[in-house]
PDB file of N, CA and C in Angstrom:
ATOM      1  N   UNK A   1       0.941  -1.417   0.510  1.00  0.00           N
ATOM      2  CA  UNK A   1       0.079   0.460   0.092  1.00  0.00           C
ATOM      3  C   UNK A   1       1.208   1.268   0.147  1.00  0.00           C
ATOM      4  N   UNK A   2       1.994   1.232  -0.302  1.00  0.00           N
ATOM      5  CA  UNK A   2       3.058   2.185  -0.497  1.00  0.00           C
ATOM      6  C   UNK A   2       2.354   3.326  -1.721  1.00  0.00           C
ATOM      7  N   UNK A   3       2.061   3.246  -2.597  1.00  0.00           N
ATOM      8  CA  UNK A   3       1.664   3.691  -3.637  1.00  0.00           C
ATOM      9  C   UNK A   3       0.435   4.048  -4.114  1.00  0.00           C
ATOM     10  N   UNK A   4      -0.625   4.736  -3.069  1.00  0.00           N
ATOM     11  CA  UNK A   4      -1.925   4.734  -3.001  1.00  0.00           C
ATOM     12  C   UNK A   4      -1.411   6.501  -3.308  1.00  0.00           C
ATOM     13  N   UNK A   5      -0.299   7.350  -2.616  1.00  0.00           N
ATOM     14  CA  UNK A   5      -0.726   8.556  -3.224  1.00  0.00           C
ATOM     15  C   UNK A   5       0.105   8.562  -4.936  1.00  0.00           C
ATOM     16  N   UNK A   6       0.980   8.026  -5.375  1.00  0.00           N
ATOM     17  CA  UNK A   6       1.051   7.475  -6.232  1.00  0.00           C
ATOM     18  C   UNK A   6       0.326   7.401  -7.515  1.00  0.00           C
ATOM     19  N   UNK A   7      -0.698   6.374  -7.012  1.00  0.00           N
ATOM     20  CA  UNK A   7      -1.454   5.851  -8.270  1.00  0.00           C
ATOM     21  C   UNK A   7      -2.272   7.279  -8.060  1.00  0.00           C
ATOM     22  N   UNK A   8      -2.708   8.122  -7.313  1.00  0.00           N
ATOM     23  CA  UNK A   8      -3.371   9.439  -7.288  1.00  0.00           C
ATOM     24  C   UNK A   8      -3.264  10.681  -8.212  1.00  0.00           C
ATOM     25  N   UNK A   9      -1.658  10.946  -8.118  1.00  0.00           N
ATOM     26  CA  UNK A   9      -0.688  11.151  -9.164  1.00  0.00           C
ATOM     27  C   UNK A   9      -0.709  11.261 -10.114  1.00  0.00           C
ATOM     28  N   UNK A  10      -0.446   9.753 -10.692  1.00  0.00           N
ATOM     29  CA  UNK A  10      -0.753   9.036 -11.750  1.00  0.00           C
ATOM     30  C   UNK A  10      -1.830   9.438 -12.958  1.00  0.00           C
ATOM     31  N   UNK A  11      -3.016   9.430 -12.027  1.00  0.00           N
ATOM     32  CA  UNK A  11      -4.084   9.699 -12.828  1.00  0.00           C
ATOM     33  C   UNK A  11      -4.331  10.462 -13.109  1.00  0.00           C
ATOM     34  N   UNK A  12      -4.230  11.512 -12.212  1.00  0.00           N
ATOM     35  CA  UNK A  12      -4.765  12.913 -12.216  1.00  0.00           C
ATOM     36  C   UNK A  12      -3.731  13.211 -13.348  1.00  0.00           C
ATOM     37  N   UNK A  13      -2.638  12.927 -13.510  1.00  0.00           N
ATOM     38  CA  UNK A  13      -1.591  13.685 -14.202  1.00  0.00           C
ATOM     39  C   UNK A  13      -1.358  12.282 -15.679  1.00  0.00           C
ATOM     40  N   UNK A  14      -2.459  11.864 -15.808  1.00  0.00           N
ATOM     41  CA  UNK A  14      -2.071  10.369 -16.967  1.00  0.00           C
ATOM     42  C   UNK A  14      -0.728  10.265 -17.431  1.00  0.00           C
ATOM     43  N   UNK A  15      -0.297   9.828 -16.454  1.00  0.00           N
ATOM     44  CA  UNK A  15       1.055   9.320 -16.246  1.00  0.00           C
ATOM     45  C   UNK A  15       0.716   7.576 -17.130  1.00  0.00           C
ATOM     46  N   UNK A  16       1.706   7.279 -17.823  1.00  0.00           N
ATOM     47  CA  UNK A  16       1.663   6.146 -18.464  1.00  0.00           C
ATOM     48  C   UNK A  16       2.179   5.125 -17.348  1.00  0.00           C
ATOM     49  N   UNK A  17       1.655   4.587 -15.948  1.00  0.00           N
ATOM     50  CA  UNK A  17       2.205   3.599 -15.083  1.00  0.00           C
ATOM     51  C   UNK A  17       1.449   2.316 -14.541  1.00  0.00           C
ATOM     52  N   UNK A  18       2.214   1.065 -15.125  1.00  0.00           N
ATOM     53  CA  UNK A  18       1.528   0.125 -14.096  1.00  0.00           C
ATOM     54  C   UNK A  18       1.847  -0.824 -12.977  1.00  0.00           C
ATOM     55  N   UNK A  19       0.989  -0.522 -12.233  1.00  0.00           N
ATOM     56  CA  UNK A  19       1.493  -1.435 -11.421  1.00  0.00           C
ATOM     57  C   UNK A  19       0.762  -3.113 -11.198  1.00  0.00           C
ATOM     58  N   UNK A  20       2.191  -3.762 -10.580  1.00  0.00           N
ATOM     59  CA  UNK A  20       1.984  -5.342 -10.949  1.00  0.00           C
ATOM     60  C   UNK A  20       2.277  -5.226  -9.407  1.00  0.00           C
ATOM     61  N   UNK A  21       0.548  -5.064  -8.353  1.00  0.00           N
ATOM     62  CA  UNK A  21       0.733  -5.524  -7.054  1.00  0.00           C
ATOM     63  C   UNK A  21       0.054  -6.957  -6.732  1.00  0.00           C
ATOM     64  N   UNK A  22       1.793  -8.143  -6.452  1.00  0.00           N
ATOM     65  CA  UNK A  22       1.144  -9.139  -5.644  1.00  0.00           C
ATOM     66  C   UNK A  22       0.937  -9.529  -4.458  1.00  0.00           C
ATOM     67  N   UNK A  23      -0.274  -9.597  -4.005  1.00  0.00           N
ATOM     68  CA  UNK A  23      -1.015  -9.455  -3.063  1.00  0.00           C
ATOM     69  C   UNK A  23      -0.565 -11.159  -2.290  1.00  0.00           C
ATOM     70  N   UNK A  24       0.101 -10.455  -0.924  1.00  0.00           N
ATOM     71  CA  UNK A  24       0.839 -11.592   0.198  1.00  0.00           C
ATOM     72  C   UNK A  24      -0.568 -11.914   0.970  1.00  0.00           C
ATOM     73  N   UNK A  25      -1.161 -10.920   0.819  1.00  0.00           N
ATOM     74  CA  UNK A  25      -1.852 -11.114   2.125  1.00  0.00           C
ATOM     75  C   UNK A  25      -1.520 -10.833   3.515  1.00  0.00           C
ATOM     76  N   UNK A  26       0.112  -9.698   3.643  1.00  0.00           N
ATOM     77  CA  UNK A  26       0.538  -9.210   4.621  1.00  0.00           C
ATOM     78  C   UNK A  26       1.605  -9.109   4.057  1.00  0.00           C
ATOM     79  N   UNK A  27       2.352  -9.264   5.353  1.00  0.00           N
ATOM     80  CA  UNK A  27       4.141  -8.664   5.449  1.00  0.00           C
ATOM     81  C   UNK A  27       4.548  -9.761   4.757  1.00  0.00           C
ATOM     82  N   UNK A  28       4.907 -10.547   3.633  1.00  0.00           N
ATOM     83  CA  UNK A  28       5.443 -12.106   3.018  1.00  0.00           C
ATOM     84  C   UNK A  28       6.694 -11.714   3.329  1.00  0.00           C
ATOM     85  N   UNK A  29       7.344 -11.098   3.045  1.00  0.00           N
ATOM     86  CA  UNK A  29       9.016 -10.927   3.272  1.00  0.00           C
ATOM     87  C   UNK A  29       9.122 -11.364   4.953  1.00  0.00           C
ATOM     88  N   UNK A  30       8.654 -10.408   5.812  1.00  0.00           N
ATOM     89  CA  UNK A  30       8.668 -10.061   7.023  1.00  0.00           C
ATOM     90  C   UNK A  30       8.356 -11.478   8.167  1.00  0.00           C
ATOM     91  N   UNK A  31       7.512 -12.338   7.343  1.00  0.00           N
ATOM     92  CA  UNK A  31       6.604 -13.133   7.735  1.00  0.00           C
ATOM     93  C   UNK A  31       7.706 -14.257   6.922  1.00  0.00           C
ATOM     94  N   UNK A  32       7.944 -14.717   6.481  1.00  0.00           N
ATOM     95  CA  UNK A  32       9.094 -15.244   5.207  1.00  0.00           C
ATOM     96  C   UNK A  32      10.112 -15.621   6.712  1.00  0.00           C
ATOM     97  N   UNK A  33      10.626 -14.594   6.870  1.00  0.00           N
ATOM     98  CA  UNK A  33      12.141 -13.885   7.638  1.00  0.00           C
ATOM     99  C   UNK A  33      11.734 -14.979   9.232  1.00  0.00           C
ATOM    100  N   UNK A  34      10.896 -14.094  10.044  1.00  0.00           N
ATOM    101  CA  UNK A  34      10.048 -14.599  11.523  1.00  0.00           C
ATOM    102  C   UNK A  34      10.114 -16.413  11.523  1.00  0.00           C
ATOM    103  N   UNK A  35       9.763 -17.120  10.221  1.00  0.00           N
ATOM    104  CA  UNK A  35       9.092 -18.284  10.480  1.00  0.00           C
ATOM    105  C   UNK A  35      10.683 -19.151  10.196  1.00  0.00           C
ATOM    106  N   UNK A  36      11.162 -18.857   9.277  1.00  0.00           N
ATOM    107  CA  UNK A  36      12.464 -19.122   9.537  1.00  0.00           C
ATOM    108  C   UNK A  36      13.411 -19.206  10.694  1.00  0.00           C
ATOM    109  N   UNK A  37      13.213 -17.517  11.158  1.00  0.00           N
ATOM    110  CA  UNK A  37      14.924 -17.741  12.060  1.00  0.00           C
ATOM    111  C   UNK A  37      13.371 -18.149  13.552  1.00  0.00           C
ATOM    112  N   UNK A  38      12.593 -18.202  13.971  1.00  0.00           N
ATOM    113  CA  UNK A  38      12.265 -18.324  14.928  1.00  0.00           C
ATOM    114  C   UNK A  38      11.108 -19.467  14.852  1.00  0.00           C
ATOM    115  N   UNK A  39      10.246 -19.937  13.658  1.00  0.00           N
ATOM    116  CA  UNK A  39       9.816 -20.981  14.017  1.00  0.00           C
ATOM    117  C   UNK A  39       7.984 -20.689  14.227  1.00  0.00           C
ATOM    118  N   UNK A  40       8.153 -19.388  14.079  1.00  0.00           N
ATOM    119  CA  UNK A  40       6.439 -18.813  13.838  1.00  0.00           C
ATOM    120  C   UNK A  40       7.080 -17.299  13.337  1.00  0.00           C
ATOM    121  N   UNK A  41       5.702 -17.422  12.872  1.00  0.00           N
ATOM    122  CA  UNK A  41       5.119 -15.528  12.477  1.00  0.00           C
ATOM    123  C   UNK A  41       4.260 -14.948  13.443  1.00  0.00           C
ATOM    124  N   UNK A  42       4.764 -13.756  13.560  1.00  0.00           N
ATOM    125  CA  UNK A  42       3.384 -12.858  14.288  1.00  0.00           C
ATOM    126  C   UNK A  42       3.573 -11.521  13.945  1.00  0.00           C
ATOM    127  N   UNK A  43       1.717 -11.040  13.829  1.00  0.00           N
ATOM    128  CA  UNK A  43       1.560  -9.759  13.622  1.00  0.00           C
ATOM    129  C   UNK A  43       1.957  -9.375  11.979  1.00  0.00           C
ATOM    130  N   UNK A  44       1.214 -10.416  10.823  1.00  0.00           N
ATOM    131  CA  UNK A  44       2.522 -10.172   9.539  1.00  0.00           C
ATOM    132  C   UNK A  44       0.901 -10.351   8.874  1.00  0.00           C
ATOM    133  N   UNK A  45      -0.079 -10.655   9.334  1.00  0.00           N
ATOM    134  CA  UNK A  45      -1.241 -10.452   8.520  1.00  0.00           C
ATOM    135  C   UNK A  45      -2.193  -9.349   8.582  1.00  0.00           C
ATOM    136  N   UNK A  46      -2.337  -8.580   7.889  1.00  0.00           N
ATOM    137  CA  UNK A  46      -2.617  -7.377   7.197  1.00  0.00           C
ATOM    138  C   UNK A  46      -4.052  -7.246   6.583  1.00  0.00           C
ATOM    139  N   UNK A  47      -4.610  -6.579   7.988  1.00  0.00           N
ATOM    140  CA  UNK A  47      -6.536  -6.013   7.416  1.00  0.00           C
ATOM    141  C   UNK A  47      -6.094  -5.193   6.073  1.00  0.00           C
ATOM    142  N   UNK A  48      -6.293  -5.875   5.111  1.00  0.00           N
ATOM    143  CA  UNK A  48      -6.201  -5.488   3.390  1.00  0.00           C
ATOM    144  C   UNK A  48      -7.505  -4.374   2.430  1.00  0.00           C
ATOM    145  N   UNK A  49      -7.363  -3.576   1.645  1.00  0.00           N
ATOM    146  CA  UNK A  49      -7.964  -2.816   0.894  1.00  0.00           C
ATOM    147  C   UNK A  49      -8.767  -4.155  -0.719  1.00  0.00           C
ATOM    148  N   UNK A  50      -9.604  -4.580  -0.998  1.00  0.00           N
ATOM    149  CA  UNK A  50      -9.528  -4.799  -2.497  1.00  0.00           C
ATOM    150  C   UNK A  50      -9.018  -4.323  -2.956  1.00  0.00           C
ATOM    151  N   UNK A  51      -7.094  -4.530  -3.539  1.00  0.00           N
ATOM    152  CA  UNK A  51      -7.155  -3.627  -4.511  1.00  0.00           C
ATOM    153  C   UNK A  51      -7.429  -2.985  -5.964  1.00  0.00           C
ATOM    154  N   UNK A  52      -8.183  -3.766  -6.224  1.00  0.00           N
ATOM    155  CA  UNK A  52      -8.863  -3.632  -7.103  1.00  0.00           C
ATOM    156  C   UNK A  52      -9.994  -2.006  -7.335  1.00  0.00           C
ATOM    157  N   UNK A  53     -11.138  -2.889  -5.894  1.00  0.00           N
ATOM    158  CA  UNK A  53     -11.532  -1.680  -5.844  1.00  0.00           C
ATOM    159  C   UNK A  53     -11.029  -0.546  -5.508  1.00  0.00           C
ATOM    160  N   UNK A  54     -10.105   0.092  -5.244  1.00  0.00           N
ATOM    161  CA  UNK A  54      -9.344   0.690  -4.612  1.00  0.00           C
ATOM    162  C   UNK A  54      -8.421   2.003  -5.542  1.00  0.00           C
ATOM    163  N   UNK A  55      -7.648   0.840  -7.099  1.00  0.00           N
ATOM    164  CA  UNK A  55      -7.786   1.481  -7.746  1.00  0.00           C
ATOM    165  C   UNK A  55      -8.571   2.084  -8.468  1.00  0.00           C
ATOM    166  N   UNK A  56     -10.146   1.712  -8.972  1.00  0.00           N
ATOM    167  CA  UNK A  56     -10.483   2.483  -9.543  1.00  0.00           C
ATOM    168  C   UNK A  56     -11.830   3.719  -8.789  1.00  0.00           C
ATOM    169  N   UNK A  57     -11.467   3.149  -7.289  1.00  0.00           N
ATOM    170  CA  UNK A  57     -11.584   4.099  -7.053  1.00  0.00           C
ATOM    171  C   UNK A  57     -11.068   5.515  -6.776  1.00  0.00           C
ATOM    172  N   UNK A  58      -9.925   5.798  -7.075  1.00  0.00           N
ATOM    173  CA  UNK A  58      -9.203   6.645  -7.599  1.00  0.00           C
ATOM    174  C   UNK A  58      -9.776   6.922 -10.389  1.00  0.00           C
ATOM    175  N   UNK A  59     -10.706   5.906  -9.964  1.00  0.00           N
ATOM    176  CA  UNK A  59     -10.893   6.333 -11.942  1.00  0.00           C
ATOM    177  C   UNK A  59      -9.953   5.162 -12.382  1.00  0.00           C
ATOM    178  N   UNK A  60      -8.579   4.020 -11.907  1.00  0.00           N
ATOM    179  CA  UNK A  60      -7.915   3.639 -12.488  1.00  0.00           C
ATOM    180  C   UNK A  60      -8.212   2.890 -12.378  1.00  0.00           C
ATOM    181  N   UNK A  61      -8.237   2.326 -14.565  1.00  0.00           N
ATOM    182  CA  UNK A  61      -8.785   0.576 -14.523  1.00  0.00           C
ATOM    183  C   UNK A  61      -7.772  -0.693 -14.000  1.00  0.00           C
ATOM    184  N   UNK A  62      -8.205  -1.647 -13.552  1.00  0.00           N
ATOM    185  CA  UNK A  62      -7.486  -2.302 -12.608  1.00  0.00           C
ATOM    186  C   UNK A  62      -8.452  -3.795 -13.009  1.00  0.00           C
ATOM    187  N   UNK A  63      -6.942  -4.846 -12.757  1.00  0.00           N
ATOM    188  CA  UNK A  63      -7.520  -6.594 -13.286  1.00  0.00           C
ATOM    189  C   UNK A  63      -7.246  -7.536 -11.696  1.00  0.00           C
ATOM    190  N   UNK A  64      -8.024  -8.107 -11.594  1.00  0.00           N
ATOM    191  CA  UNK A  64      -6.997  -8.863 -11.015  1.00  0.00           C
ATOM    192  C   UNK A  64      -7.297 -10.627 -11.336  1.00  0.00           C
ATOM    193  N   UNK A  65      -5.692 -10.827 -11.661  1.00  0.00           N
ATOM    194  CA  UNK A  65      -5.273 -11.800 -12.751  1.00  0.00           C
ATOM    195  C   UNK A  65      -5.112 -13.200 -11.561  1.00  0.00           C
ATOM    196  N   UNK A  66      -4.542 -13.920 -12.637  1.00  0.00           N
ATOM    197  CA  UNK A  66      -4.084 -15.440 -12.308  1.00  0.00           C
ATOM    198  C   UNK A  66      -2.784 -15.359 -12.324  1.00  0.00           C
ATOM    199  N   UNK A  67      -2.158 -16.368 -12.191  1.00  0.00           N
ATOM    200  CA  UNK A  67      -0.635 -16.617 -12.962  1.00  0.00           C
ATOM    201  C   UNK A  67      -0.712 -17.685 -14.477  1.00  0.00           C
ATOM    202  N   UNK A  68      -2.032 -17.623 -14.531  1.00  0.00           N
ATOM    203  CA  UNK A  68      -2.557 -18.496 -16.261  1.00  0.00           C
ATOM    204  C   UNK A  68      -2.812 -17.836 -17.296  1.00  0.00           C
ATOM    205  N   UNK A  69      -3.658 -15.924 -16.129  1.00  0.00           N
ATOM    206  CA  UNK A  69      -3.589 -15.435 -17.296  1.00  0.00           C
ATOM    207  C   UNK A  69      -2.878 -13.291 -16.530  1.00  0.00           C
ATOM    208  N   UNK A  70      -2.064 -13.967 -16.384  1.00  0.00           N
ATOM    209  CA  UNK A  70      -0.982 -12.708 -15.523  1.00  0.00           C
ATOM    210  C   UNK A  70      -0.242 -11.979 -17.354  1.00  0.00           C
ATOM    211  N   UNK A  71       0.098 -13.101 -18.088  1.00  0.00           N
ATOM    212  CA  UNK A  71       0.961 -12.227 -19.576  1.00  0.00           C
ATOM    213  C   UNK A  71      -0.067 -11.482 -20.023  1.00  0.00           C
ATOM    214  N   UNK A  72      -0.982 -12.291 -20.492  1.00  0.00           N
ATOM    215  CA  UNK A  72      -2.340 -11.287 -21.874  1.00  0.00           C
ATOM    216  C   UNK A  72      -2.960 -10.052 -20.630  1.00  0.00           C
ATOM    217  N   UNK A  73      -3.137 -10.377 -18.969  1.00  0.00           N
ATOM    218  CA  UNK A  73      -3.226  -9.263 -18.746  1.00  0.00           C
ATOM    219  C   UNK A  73      -2.577  -8.227 -18.608  1.00  0.00           C
ATOM    220  N   UNK A  74      -0.932  -8.947 -17.989  1.00  0.00           N
ATOM    221  CA  UNK A  74      -0.380  -6.727 -17.823  1.00  0.00           C
ATOM    222  C   UNK A  74       0.237  -6.902 -19.417  1.00  0.00           C
ATOM    223  N   UNK A  75       0.243  -7.606 -20.255  1.00  0.00           N
ATOM    224  CA  UNK A  75       0.405  -7.171 -22.038  1.00  0.00           C
ATOM    225  C   UNK A  75      -1.146  -6.076 -21.770  1.00  0.00           C
ATOM    226  N   UNK A  76      -1.981  -6.332 -22.382  1.00  0.00           N
ATOM    227  CA  UNK A  76      -3.091  -4.976 -21.819  1.00  0.00           C
ATOM    228  C   UNK A  76      -3.038  -4.723 -21.148  1.00  0.00           C
ATOM    229  N   UNK A  77      -2.392  -3.661 -19.715  1.00  0.00           N
ATOM    230  CA  UNK A  77      -2.288  -3.233 -18.910  1.00  0.00           C
ATOM    231  C   UNK A  77      -1.657  -1.950 -19.416  1.00  0.00           C
ATOM    232  N   UNK A  78      -0.119  -2.794 -19.868  1.00  0.00           N
ATOM    233  CA  UNK A  78       1.417  -2.044 -20.310  1.00  0.00           C
ATOM    234  C   UNK A  78       0.475  -1.388 -22.098  1.00  0.00           C
ATOM    235  N   UNK A  79      -0.227  -1.634 -22.250  1.00  0.00           N
ATOM    236  CA  UNK A  79      -1.059  -1.282 -24.254  1.00  0.00           C
ATOM    237  C   UNK A  79      -1.340   0.324 -23.593  1.00  0.00           C
ATOM    238  N   UNK A  80      -2.278  -0.515 -22.260  1.00  0.00           N
ATOM    239  CA  UNK A  80      -3.482   0.887 -22.355  1.00  0.00           C
ATOM    240  C   UNK A  80      -2.722   1.821 -21.554  1.00  0.00           C
ATOM    241  N   UNK A  81      -2.915   3.582 -22.624  1.00  0.00           N
ATOM    242  CA  UNK A  81      -2.321   5.182 -22.095  1.00  0.00           C
ATOM    243  C   UNK A  81      -3.274   5.267 -20.421  1.00  0.00           C
ATOM    244  N   UNK A  82      -2.581   5.779 -19.943  1.00  0.00           N
ATOM    245  CA  UNK A  82      -2.784   5.935 -18.357  1.00  0.00           C
ATOM    246  C   UNK A  82      -2.328   4.932 -17.262  1.00  0.00           C
ATOM    247  N   UNK A  83      -2.710   4.960 -16.178  1.00  0.00           N
ATOM    248  CA  UNK A  83      -1.809   4.790 -15.253  1.00  0.00           C
ATOM    249  C   UNK A  83      -2.993   3.549 -15.184  1.00  0.00           C
ATOM    250  N   UNK A  84      -2.493   1.866 -14.454  1.00  0.00           N
ATOM    251  CA  UNK A  84      -3.516   0.489 -14.665  1.00  0.00           C
ATOM    252  C   UNK A  84      -2.934  -0.273 -13.142  1.00  0.00           C
ATOM    253  N   UNK A  85      -3.766  -1.131 -13.249  1.00  0.00           N
ATOM    254  CA  UNK A  85      -3.411  -2.160 -11.871  1.00  0.00           C
ATOM    255  C   UNK A  85      -3.138  -3.049 -12.387  1.00  0.00           C
ATOM    256  N   UNK A  86      -2.672  -4.350 -12.175  1.00  0.00           N
ATOM    257  CA  UNK A  86      -2.748  -5.756 -12.301  1.00  0.00           C
ATOM    258  C   UNK A  86      -2.267  -5.821 -10.963  1.00  0.00           C
ATOM    259  N   UNK A  87      -3.408  -7.258 -10.094  1.00  0.00           N
ATOM    260  CA  UNK A  87      -3.786  -7.305  -8.748  1.00  0.00           C
ATOM    261  C   UNK A  87      -3.420  -9.259  -8.965  1.00  0.00           C
ATOM    262  N   UNK A  88      -2.435  -9.527  -8.572  1.00  0.00           N
ATOM    263  CA  UNK A  88      -2.190 -10.974  -8.498  1.00  0.00           C
ATOM    264  C   UNK A  88      -2.225 -11.872  -6.925  1.00  0.00           C
ATOM    265  N   UNK A  89      -2.927 -12.160  -6.580  1.00  0.00           N
ATOM    266  CA  UNK A  89      -2.529 -13.092  -5.552  1.00  0.00           C
ATOM    267  C   UNK A  89      -2.239 -14.290  -5.090  1.00  0.00           C
ATOM    268  N   UNK A  90      -1.200 -13.714  -4.717  1.00  0.00           N
ATOM    269  CA  UNK A  90      -0.284 -15.066  -4.587  1.00  0.00           C
ATOM    270  C   UNK A  90       0.195 -15.452  -3.424  1.00  0.00           C
ATOM    271  N   UNK A  91       1.247 -16.305  -2.801  1.00  0.00           N
ATOM    272  CA  UNK A  91       1.961 -16.412  -1.487  1.00  0.00           C
ATOM    273  C   UNK A  91       3.410 -17.029  -2.241  1.00  0.00           C
ATOM    274  N   UNK A  92       4.019 -15.874  -2.003  1.00  0.00           N
ATOM    275  CA  UNK A  92       5.515 -16.230  -2.351  1.00  0.00           C
ATOM    276  C   UNK A  92       7.007 -17.137  -1.314  1.00  0.00           C
ATOM    277  N   UNK A  93       7.092 -17.089  -2.041  1.00  0.00           N
ATOM    278  CA  UNK A  93       8.855 -17.135  -1.695  1.00  0.00           C
ATOM    279  C   UNK A  93       9.660 -16.498  -1.788  1.00  0.00           C
ATOM    280  N   UNK A  94      10.479 -15.736  -0.648  1.00  0.00           N
ATOM    281  CA  UNK A  94      11.147 -14.649  -2.061  1.00  0.00           C
ATOM    282  C   UNK A  94      12.123 -14.473  -1.858  1.00  0.00           C
ATOM    283  N   UNK A  95      12.480 -15.422  -0.099  1.00  0.00           N
ATOM    284  CA  UNK A  95      14.179 -15.691  -0.149  1.00  0.00           C
ATOM    285  C   UNK A  95      14.634 -16.514   0.747  1.00  0.00           C
ATOM    286  N   UNK A  96      16.018 -17.177   0.570  1.00  0.00           N
ATOM    287  CA  UNK A  96      16.646 -17.778   1.491  1.00  0.00           C
ATOM    288  C   UNK A  96      17.090 -16.775   3.038  1.00  0.00           C
ATOM    289  N   UNK A  97      16.529 -17.645   4.027  1.00  0.00           N
ATOM    290  CA  UNK A  97      17.046 -17.474   4.779  1.00  0.00           C
ATOM    291  C   UNK A  97      19.033 -16.217   4.968  1.00  0.00           C
ATOM    292  N   UNK A  98      19.334 -15.515   5.261  1.00  0.00           N
ATOM    293  CA  UNK A  98      20.485 -15.254   5.466  1.00  0.00           C
ATOM    294  C   UNK A  98      21.160 -15.530   7.137  1.00  0.00           C
ATOM    295  N   UNK A  99      20.456 -15.648   8.294  1.00  0.00           N
ATOM    296  CA  UNK A  99      20.934 -15.573   9.629  1.00  0.00           C
ATOM    297  C   UNK A  99      21.601 -17.454   9.479  1.00  0.00           C
ATOM    298  N   UNK A 100      21.275 -18.343   8.939  1.00  0.00           N
ATOM    299  CA  UNK A 100      21.845 -19.441   8.887  1.00  0.00           C
ATOM    300  C   UNK A 100      23.460 -20.052   8.762  1.00  0.00           C
TER     301      UNK A 100
END
């Protein structure tokens, strides 16, 4: 959710910017690090908005995608003038623990 102000700015100025939001349901990097370091994670799940509805509330077109349709959805968003958002719900394995 760091890009909410940037979303408003891109809409206001008609900038050709596309966001790919990988919605991991919370602080994914921190969750993975805590699980690896301590065996479990705490306080990493966030109440979060519907990112498609949030983008659309700014007047920015948005698409909820899947791994299977990501390429076509992202290609379409990148080809559309002005800002756009593509949301991919996913649980990612982001890095190998560095503390081992």
